[in-house]
Amino acid sequence: MKTQTKYEEIILEEIRTLPPPVLPQAVKMLRSLRESVKSVAGRKSAADAKRTGFCGIWKDNRTADEIIADITAHRSGYGRRRVDL
């Protein structure tokens, strides 16, 4: 909370130094900034949901190497050619 108060004081001081004719534009800029921040936060949440939805989530007690070996052993296709990863 102390950090937020510090930034609020800095922002208010910057606004106080603006000439009165530009204050309406400053308000528009601050509102635009707020909406942009909310929009970016919303996109990040959606991206996180898409990422987990695409790949799926599961629990497995095997190590990563064991899982990779299992996947490699069960692959089919590739025209019966050897594929090294």
PDB file of N, CA and C in Angstrom:
ATOM      1  N   MET A   1       0.834  -1.195   0.000  1.00  0.00           N
ATOM      2  CA  MET A   1       0.000   0.000   0.000  1.00  0.00           C
ATOM      3  C   MET A   1       0.867   1.242   0.000  1.00  0.00           C
ATOM      4  N   LYS A   2       2.012   1.190   0.657  1.00  0.00           N
ATOM      5  CA  LYS A   2       2.893   2.342   0.733  1.00  0.00           C
ATOM      6  C   LYS A   2       3.400   2.729  -0.658  1.00  0.00           C
ATOM      7  N   THR A   3       3.725   1.715  -1.473  1.00  0.00           N
ATOM      8  CA  THR A   3       4.196   1.981  -2.832  1.00  0.00           C
ATOM      9  C   THR A   3       3.107   2.637  -3.659  1.00  0.00           C
ATOM     10  N   GLN A   4       1.875   2.137  -3.541  1.00  0.00           N
ATOM     11  CA  GLN A   4       0.765   2.717  -4.286  1.00  0.00           C
ATOM     12  C   GLN A   4       0.588   4.181  -3.908  1.00  0.00           C
ATOM     13  N   THR A   5       0.655   4.489  -2.629  1.00  0.00           N
ATOM     14  CA  THR A   5       0.516   5.868  -2.169  1.00  0.00           C
ATOM     15  C   THR A   5       1.616   6.739  -2.756  1.00  0.00           C
ATOM     16  N   LYS A   6       2.827   6.211  -2.828  1.00  0.00           N
ATOM     17  CA  LYS A   6       3.948   6.958  -3.397  1.00  0.00           C
ATOM     18  C   LYS A   6       3.671   7.294  -4.862  1.00  0.00           C
ATOM     19  N   TYR A   7       3.204   6.300  -5.628  1.00  0.00           N
ATOM     20  CA  TYR A   7       2.909   6.545  -7.036  1.00  0.00           C
ATOM     21  C   TYR A   7       1.732   7.505  -7.204  1.00  0.00           C
ATOM     22  N   GLU A   8       0.748   7.392  -6.346  1.00  0.00           N
ATOM     23  CA  GLU A   8      -0.379   8.323  -6.413  1.00  0.00           C
ATOM     24  C   GLU A   8       0.101   9.754  -6.211  1.00  0.00           C
ATOM     25  N   GLU A   9       1.000   9.951  -5.261  1.00  0.00           N
ATOM     26  CA  GLU A   9       1.542  11.292  -5.014  1.00  0.00           C
ATOM     27  C   GLU A   9       2.308  11.802  -6.233  1.00  0.00           C
ATOM     28  N   ILE A  10       3.093  10.936  -6.849  1.00  0.00           N
ATOM     29  CA  ILE A  10       3.857  11.338  -8.040  1.00  0.00           C
ATOM     30  C   ILE A  10       2.912  11.708  -9.173  1.00  0.00           C
ATOM     31  N   ILE A  11       1.894  10.887  -9.391  1.00  0.00           N
ATOM     32  CA  ILE A  11       0.933  11.160 -10.464  1.00  0.00           C
ATOM     33  C   ILE A  11       0.203  12.471 -10.214  1.00  0.00           C
ATOM     34  N   LEU A  12      -0.246  12.676  -8.982  1.00  0.00           N
ATOM     35  CA  LEU A  12      -0.944  13.928  -8.661  1.00  0.00           C
ATOM     36  C   LEU A  12      -0.044  15.139  -8.862  1.00  0.00           C
ATOM     37  N   GLU A  13       1.211  15.026  -8.470  1.00  0.00           N
ATOM     38  CA  GLU A  13       2.148  16.145  -8.657  1.00  0.00           C
ATOM     39  C   GLU A  13       2.335  16.449 -10.139  1.00  0.00           C
ATOM     40  N   GLU A  14       2.449  15.408 -10.944  1.00  0.00           N
ATOM     41  CA  GLU A  14       2.587  15.615 -12.392  1.00  0.00           C
ATOM     42  C   GLU A  14       1.344  16.293 -12.963  1.00  0.00           C
ATOM     43  N   ILE A  15       0.176  15.879 -12.518  1.00  0.00           N
ATOM     44  CA  ILE A  15      -1.070  16.478 -13.005  1.00  0.00           C
ATOM     45  C   ILE A  15      -1.170  17.935 -12.574  1.00  0.00           C
ATOM     46  N   ARG A  16      -0.756  18.230 -11.359  1.00  0.00           N
ATOM     47  CA  ARG A  16      -0.820  19.611 -10.856  1.00  0.00           C
ATOM     48  C   ARG A  16       0.070  20.556 -11.661  1.00  0.00           C
ATOM     49  N   THR A  17       1.127  20.031 -12.262  1.00  0.00           N
ATOM     50  CA  THR A  17       2.035  20.897 -13.029  1.00  0.00           C
ATOM     51  C   THR A  17       1.563  21.120 -14.462  1.00  0.00           C
ATOM     52  N   LEU A  18       0.487  20.463 -14.858  1.00  0.00           N
ATOM     53  CA  LEU A  18      -0.025  20.651 -16.219  1.00  0.00           C
ATOM     54  C   LEU A  18      -0.791  21.967 -16.321  1.00  0.00           C
ATOM     55  N   PRO A  19      -0.710  22.607 -17.476  1.00  0.00           N
ATOM     56  CA  PRO A  19      -1.517  23.818 -17.675  1.00  0.00           C
ATOM     57  C   PRO A  19      -3.013  23.456 -17.710  1.00  0.00           C
ATOM     58  N   PRO A  20      -3.865  24.277 -17.118  1.00  0.00           N
ATOM     59  CA  PRO A  20      -5.301  23.965 -17.067  1.00  0.00           C
ATOM     60  C   PRO A  20      -5.941  23.605 -18.410  1.00  0.00           C
ATOM     61  N   PRO A  21      -5.554  24.233 -19.519  1.00  0.00           N
ATOM     62  CA  PRO A  21      -6.223  23.873 -20.779  1.00  0.00           C
ATOM     63  C   PRO A  21      -6.007  22.415 -21.220  1.00  0.00           C
ATOM     64  N   VAL A  22      -4.940  21.765 -20.752  1.00  0.00           N
ATOM     65  CA  VAL A  22      -4.686  20.387 -21.189  1.00  0.00           C
ATOM     66  C   VAL A  22      -5.248  19.340 -20.221  1.00  0.00           C
ATOM     67  N   LEU A  23      -5.844  19.774 -19.118  1.00  0.00           N
ATOM     68  CA  LEU A  23      -6.373  18.824 -18.139  1.00  0.00           C
ATOM     69  C   LEU A  23      -7.449  17.886 -18.711  1.00  0.00           C
ATOM     70  N   PRO A  24      -8.386  18.381 -19.543  1.00  0.00           N
ATOM     71  CA  PRO A  24      -9.360  17.434 -20.119  1.00  0.00           C
ATOM     72  C   PRO A  24      -8.682  16.325 -20.935  1.00  0.00           C
ATOM     73  N   GLN A  25      -7.645  16.691 -21.686  1.00  0.00           N
ATOM     74  CA  GLN A  25      -6.923  15.686 -22.463  1.00  0.00           C
ATOM     75  C   GLN A  25      -6.183  14.712 -21.539  1.00  0.00           C
ATOM     76  N   ALA A  26      -5.651  15.220 -20.429  1.00  0.00           N
ATOM     77  CA  ALA A  26      -4.962  14.355 -19.463  1.00  0.00           C
ATOM     78  C   ALA A  26      -5.933  13.332 -18.876  1.00  0.00           C
ATOM     79  N   VAL A  27      -7.155  13.758 -18.588  1.00  0.00           N
ATOM     80  CA  VAL A  27      -8.170  12.840 -18.064  1.00  0.00           C
ATOM     81  C   VAL A  27      -8.463  11.753 -19.096  1.00  0.00           C
ATOM     82  N   LYS A  28      -8.609  12.146 -20.360  1.00  0.00           N
ATOM     83  CA  LYS A  28      -8.856  11.166 -21.425  1.00  0.00           C
ATOM     84  C   LYS A  28      -7.703  10.173 -21.527  1.00  0.00           C
ATOM     85  N   MET A  29      -6.479  10.677 -21.412  1.00  0.00           N
ATOM     86  CA  MET A  29      -5.305   9.805 -21.502  1.00  0.00           C
ATOM     87  C   MET A  29      -5.266   8.809 -20.340  1.00  0.00           C
ATOM     88  N   LEU A  30      -5.565   9.280 -19.143  1.00  0.00           N
ATOM     89  CA  LEU A  30      -5.573   8.385 -17.985  1.00  0.00           C
ATOM     90  C   LEU A  30      -6.654   7.313 -18.116  1.00  0.00           C
ATOM     91  N   ARG A  31      -7.821   7.706 -18.592  1.00  0.00           N
ATOM     92  CA  ARG A  31      -8.895   6.726 -18.779  1.00  0.00           C
ATOM     93  C   ARG A  31      -8.522   5.711 -19.859  1.00  0.00           C
ATOM     94  N   SER A  32      -7.905   6.194 -20.920  1.00  0.00           N
ATOM     95  CA  SER A  32      -7.459   5.299 -21.986  1.00  0.00           C
ATOM     96  C   SER A  32      -6.408   4.317 -21.469  1.00  0.00           C
ATOM     97  N   LEU A  33      -5.487   4.828 -20.664  1.00  0.00           N
ATOM     98  CA  LEU A  33      -4.463   3.971 -20.063  1.00  0.00           C
ATOM     99  C   LEU A  33      -5.108   2.893 -19.196  1.00  0.00           C
ATOM    100  N   ARG A  34      -6.068   3.290 -18.375  1.00  0.00           N
ATOM    101  CA  ARG A  34      -6.754   2.336 -17.499  1.00  0.00           C
ATOM    102  C   ARG A  34      -7.440   1.241 -18.314  1.00  0.00           C
ATOM    103  N   GLU A  35      -8.137   1.631 -19.373  1.00  0.00           N
ATOM    104  CA  GLU A  35      -8.826   0.646 -20.209  1.00  0.00           C
ATOM    105  C   GLU A  35      -7.832  -0.276 -20.913  1.00  0.00           C
ATOM    106  N   SER A  36      -6.709   0.270 -21.346  1.00  0.00           N
ATOM    107  CA  SER A  36      -5.683  -0.548 -21.999  1.00  0.00           C
ATOM    108  C   SER A  36      -5.113  -1.582 -21.042  1.00  0.00           C
ATOM    109  N   VAL A  37      -4.864  -1.162 -19.823  1.00  0.00           N
ATOM    110  CA  VAL A  37      -4.321  -2.082 -18.816  1.00  0.00           C
ATOM    111  C   VAL A  37      -5.326  -3.193 -18.532  1.00  0.00           C
ATOM    112  N   LYS A  38      -6.599  -2.847 -18.405  1.00  0.00           N
ATOM    113  CA  LYS A  38      -7.627  -3.855 -18.163  1.00  0.00           C
ATOM    114  C   LYS A  38      -7.729  -4.816 -19.347  1.00  0.00           C
ATOM    115  N   SER A  39      -7.594  -4.283 -20.553  1.00  0.00           N
ATOM    116  CA  SER A  39      -7.678  -5.106 -21.751  1.00  0.00           C
ATOM    117  C   SER A  39      -6.522  -6.095 -21.827  1.00  0.00           C
ATOM    118  N   VAL A  40      -5.318  -5.622 -21.534  1.00  0.00           N
ATOM    119  CA  VAL A  40      -4.141  -6.498 -21.562  1.00  0.00           C
ATOM    120  C   VAL A  40      -4.269  -7.581 -20.499  1.00  0.00           C
ATOM    121  N   ALA A  41      -4.728  -7.225 -19.320  1.00  0.00           N
ATOM    122  CA  ALA A  41      -4.903  -8.204 -18.246  1.00  0.00           C
ATOM    123  C   ALA A  41      -5.923  -9.261 -18.657  1.00  0.00           C
ATOM    124  N   GLY A  42      -6.976  -8.840 -19.324  1.00  0.00           N
ATOM    125  CA  GLY A  42      -7.993  -9.785 -19.793  1.00  0.00           C
ATOM    126  C   GLY A  42      -7.453 -10.722 -20.852  1.00  0.00           C
ATOM    127  N   ARG A  43      -6.631 -10.198 -21.758  1.00  0.00           N
ATOM    128  CA  ARG A  43      -6.030 -11.043 -22.798  1.00  0.00           C
ATOM    129  C   ARG A  43      -5.086 -12.061 -22.184  1.00  0.00           C
ATOM    130  N   LYS A  44      -4.338 -11.654 -21.158  1.00  0.00           N
ATOM    131  CA  LYS A  44      -3.407 -12.583 -20.513  1.00  0.00           C
ATOM    132  C   LYS A  44      -4.177 -13.726 -19.870  1.00  0.00           C
ATOM    133  N   SER A  45      -5.282 -13.416 -19.201  1.00  0.00           N
ATOM    134  CA  SER A  45      -6.095 -14.464 -18.580  1.00  0.00           C
ATOM    135  C   SER A  45      -6.646 -15.412 -19.639  1.00  0.00           C
ATOM    136  N   ALA A  46      -7.096 -14.858 -20.755  1.00  0.00           N
ATOM    137  CA  ALA A  46      -7.624 -15.690 -21.836  1.00  0.00           C
ATOM    138  C   ALA A  46      -6.522 -16.547 -22.439  1.00  0.00           C
ATOM    139  N   ALA A  47      -5.324 -15.972 -22.572  1.00  0.00           N
ATOM    140  CA  ALA A  47      -4.197 -16.729 -23.126  1.00  0.00           C
ATOM    141  C   ALA A  47      -3.826 -17.879 -22.205  1.00  0.00           C
ATOM    142  N   ASP A  48      -3.828 -17.650 -20.906  1.00  0.00           N
ATOM    143  CA  ASP A  48      -3.527 -18.720 -19.955  1.00  0.00           C
ATOM    144  C   ASP A  48      -4.561 -19.838 -20.062  1.00  0.00           C
ATOM    145  N   ALA A  49      -5.821 -19.471 -20.191  1.00  0.00           N
ATOM    146  CA  ALA A  49      -6.877 -20.475 -20.306  1.00  0.00           C
ATOM    147  C   ALA A  49      -6.730 -21.264 -21.596  1.00  0.00           C
ATOM    148  N   LYS A  50      -6.400 -20.585 -22.696  1.00  0.00           N
ATOM    149  CA  LYS A  50      -6.211 -21.271 -23.971  1.00  0.00           C
ATOM    150  C   LYS A  50      -5.030 -22.220 -23.897  1.00  0.00           C
ATOM    151  N   ARG A  51      -3.958 -21.787 -23.266  1.00  0.00           N
ATOM    152  CA  ARG A  51      -2.754 -22.608 -23.194  1.00  0.00           C
ATOM    153  C   ARG A  51      -3.046 -23.917 -22.467  1.00  0.00           C
ATOM    154  N   THR A  52      -3.718 -23.858 -21.342  1.00  0.00           N
ATOM    155  CA  THR A  52      -4.002 -25.081 -20.603  1.00  0.00           C
ATOM    156  C   THR A  52      -5.085 -25.892 -21.299  1.00  0.00           C
ATOM    157  N   GLY A  53      -5.995 -25.223 -21.997  1.00  0.00           N
ATOM    158  CA  GLY A  53      -7.037 -25.942 -22.709  1.00  0.00           C
ATOM    159  C   GLY A  53      -6.504 -26.665 -23.927  1.00  0.00           C
ATOM    160  N   PHE A  54      -5.495 -26.117 -24.558  1.00  0.00           N
ATOM    161  CA  PHE A  54      -4.936 -26.719 -25.768  1.00  0.00           C
ATOM    162  C   PHE A  54      -4.142 -27.974 -25.435  1.00  0.00           C
ATOM    163  N   CYS A  55      -3.278 -27.875 -24.469  1.00  0.00           N
ATOM    164  CA  CYS A  55      -2.374 -28.979 -24.137  1.00  0.00           C
ATOM    165  C   CYS A  55      -2.988 -29.947 -23.142  1.00  0.00           C
ATOM    166  N   GLY A  56      -3.867 -29.471 -22.347  1.00  0.00           N
ATOM    167  CA  GLY A  56      -4.450 -30.312 -21.321  1.00  0.00           C
ATOM    168  C   GLY A  56      -3.571 -30.360 -20.078  1.00  0.00           C
ATOM    169  N   ILE A  57      -4.141 -30.825 -19.022  1.00  0.00           N
ATOM    170  CA  ILE A  57      -3.428 -30.953 -17.759  1.00  0.00           C
ATOM    171  C   ILE A  57      -3.683 -32.359 -17.244  1.00  0.00           C
ATOM    172  N   TRP A  58      -2.650 -32.997 -16.791  1.00  0.00           N
ATOM    173  CA  TRP A  58      -2.804 -34.315 -16.207  1.00  0.00           C
ATOM    174  C   TRP A  58      -1.780 -34.506 -15.111  1.00  0.00           C
ATOM    175  N   LYS A  59      -2.023 -35.494 -14.284  1.00  0.00           N
ATOM    176  CA  LYS A  59      -1.078 -35.816 -13.215  1.00  0.00           C
ATOM    177  C   LYS A  59      -0.395 -37.121 -13.582  1.00  0.00           C
ATOM    178  N   ASP A  60       0.900 -37.166 -13.385  1.00  0.00           N
ATOM    179  CA  ASP A  60       1.678 -38.346 -13.723  1.00  0.00           C
ATOM    180  C   ASP A  60       2.871 -38.407 -12.785  1.00  0.00           C
ATOM    181  N   ASN A  61       3.118 -39.550 -12.221  1.00  0.00           N
ATOM    182  CA  ASN A  61       4.232 -39.690 -11.287  1.00  0.00           C
ATOM    183  C   ASN A  61       5.550 -40.007 -11.976  1.00  0.00           C
ATOM    184  N   ARG A  62       5.506 -40.209 -13.298  1.00  0.00           N
ATOM    185  CA  ARG A  62       6.732 -40.527 -14.021  1.00  0.00           C
ATOM    186  C   ARG A  62       7.580 -39.272 -14.207  1.00  0.00           C
ATOM    187  N   THR A  63       8.865 -39.503 -14.451  1.00  0.00           N
ATOM    188  CA  THR A  63       9.756 -38.380 -14.744  1.00  0.00           C
ATOM    189  C   THR A  63       9.508 -37.922 -16.173  1.00  0.00           C
ATOM    190  N   ALA A  64      10.012 -36.751 -16.505  1.00  0.00           N
ATOM    191  CA  ALA A  64       9.871 -36.234 -17.868  1.00  0.00           C
ATOM    192  C   ALA A  64      10.504 -37.194 -18.865  1.00  0.00           C
ATOM    193  N   ASP A  65      11.670 -37.745 -18.539  1.00  0.00           N
ATOM    194  CA  ASP A  65      12.342 -38.685 -19.443  1.00  0.00           C
ATOM    195  C   ASP A  65      11.493 -39.932 -19.681  1.00  0.00           C
ATOM    196  N   GLU A  66      10.829 -40.425 -18.641  1.00  0.00           N
ATOM    197  CA  GLU A  66       9.970 -41.605 -18.793  1.00  0.00           C
ATOM    198  C   GLU A  66       8.765 -41.290 -19.676  1.00  0.00           C
ATOM    199  N   ILE A  67       8.198 -40.127 -19.516  1.00  0.00           N
ATOM    200  CA  ILE A  67       7.047 -39.732 -20.341  1.00  0.00           C
ATOM    201  C   ILE A  67       7.470 -39.592 -21.795  1.00  0.00           C
ATOM    202  N   ILE A  68       8.609 -38.952 -22.035  1.00  0.00           N
ATOM    203  CA  ILE A  68       9.111 -38.781 -23.403  1.00  0.00           C
ATOM    204  C   ILE A  68       9.384 -40.135 -24.037  1.00  0.00           C
ATOM    205  N   ALA A  69       9.993 -41.049 -23.290  1.00  0.00           N
ATOM    206  CA  ALA A  69      10.271 -42.393 -23.817  1.00  0.00           C
ATOM    207  C   ALA A  69       8.973 -43.105 -24.175  1.00  0.00           C
ATOM    208  N   ASP A  70       7.951 -42.959 -23.351  1.00  0.00           N
ATOM    209  CA  ASP A  70       6.657 -43.583 -23.612  1.00  0.00           C
ATOM    210  C   ASP A  70       6.023 -43.009 -24.877  1.00  0.00           C
ATOM    211  N   ILE A  71       6.055 -41.712 -25.024  1.00  0.00           N
ATOM    212  CA  ILE A  71       5.488 -41.066 -26.217  1.00  0.00           C
ATOM    213  C   ILE A  71       6.228 -41.525 -27.459  1.00  0.00           C
ATOM    214  N   THR A  72       7.555 -41.519 -27.404  1.00  0.00           N
ATOM    215  CA  THR A  72       8.366 -41.929 -28.551  1.00  0.00           C
ATOM    216  C   THR A  72       8.082 -43.382 -28.916  1.00  0.00           C
ATOM    217  N   ALA A  73       7.956 -44.262 -27.927  1.00  0.00           N
ATOM    218  CA  ALA A  73       7.718 -45.683 -28.179  1.00  0.00           C
ATOM    219  C   ALA A  73       6.352 -45.931 -28.816  1.00  0.00           C
ATOM    220  N   HIS A  74       5.382 -45.078 -28.552  1.00  0.00           N
ATOM    221  CA  HIS A  74       4.033 -45.298 -29.060  1.00  0.00           C
ATOM    222  C   HIS A  74       3.703 -44.494 -30.316  1.00  0.00           C
ATOM    223  N   ARG A  75       4.680 -43.818 -30.860  1.00  0.00           N
ATOM    224  CA  ARG A  75       4.424 -43.057 -32.087  1.00  0.00           C
ATOM    225  C   ARG A  75       4.234 -44.008 -33.255  1.00  0.00           C
ATOM    226  N   SER A  76       3.393 -43.585 -34.179  1.00  0.00           N
ATOM    227  CA  SER A  76       3.211 -44.365 -35.401  1.00  0.00           C
ATOM    228  C   SER A  76       3.334 -43.411 -36.570  1.00  0.00           C
ATOM    229  N   GLY A  77       3.407 -43.958 -37.744  1.00  0.00           N
ATOM    230  CA  GLY A  77       3.517 -43.113 -38.916  1.00  0.00           C
ATOM    231  C   GLY A  77       4.958 -42.866 -39.285  1.00  0.00           C
ATOM    232  N   TYR A  78       5.221 -41.706 -39.802  1.00  0.00           N
ATOM    233  CA  TYR A  78       6.543 -41.319 -40.287  1.00  0.00           C
ATOM    234  C   TYR A  78       7.028 -42.272 -41.385  1.00  0.00           C
ATOM    235  N   GLY A  79       6.117 -43.024 -42.032  1.00  0.00           N
ATOM    236  CA  GLY A  79       6.519 -43.905 -43.118  1.00  0.00           C
ATOM    237  C   GLY A  79       7.525 -44.958 -42.688  1.00  0.00           C
ATOM    238  N   ARG A  80       7.431 -45.377 -41.459  1.00  0.00           N
ATOM    239  CA  ARG A  80       8.330 -46.377 -40.873  1.00  0.00           C
ATOM    240  C   ARG A  80       9.791 -45.940 -40.904  1.00  0.00           C
ATOM    241  N   ARG A  81      10.009 -44.656 -40.985  1.00  0.00           N
ATOM    242  CA  ARG A  81      11.390 -44.157 -40.950  1.00  0.00           C
ATOM    243  C   ARG A  81      11.749 -43.778 -39.528  1.00  0.00           C
ATOM    244  N   ARG A  82      13.012 -43.770 -39.242  1.00  0.00           N
ATOM    245  CA  ARG A  82      13.488 -43.441 -37.900  1.00  0.00           C
ATOM    246  C   ARG A  82      13.495 -41.918 -37.741  1.00  0.00           C
ATOM    247  N   VAL A  83      12.932 -41.442 -36.652  1.00  0.00           N
ATOM    248  CA  VAL A  83      12.912 -40.011 -36.369  1.00  0.00           C
ATOM    249  C   VAL A  83      13.590 -39.794 -35.030  1.00  0.00           C
ATOM    250  N   ASP A  84      14.674 -39.048 -35.040  1.00  0.00           N
ATOM    251  CA  ASP A  84      15.383 -38.733 -33.802  1.00  0.00           C
ATOM    252  C   ASP A  84      14.986 -37.344 -33.344  1.00  0.00           C
ATOM    253  N   LEU A  85      14.648 -37.235 -32.104  1.00  0.00           N
ATOM    254  CA  LEU A  85      14.280 -35.930 -31.548  1.00  0.00           C
ATOM    255  C   LEU A  85      15.355 -35.444 -30.622  1.00  0.00           C
TER     256      LEU A  85
END
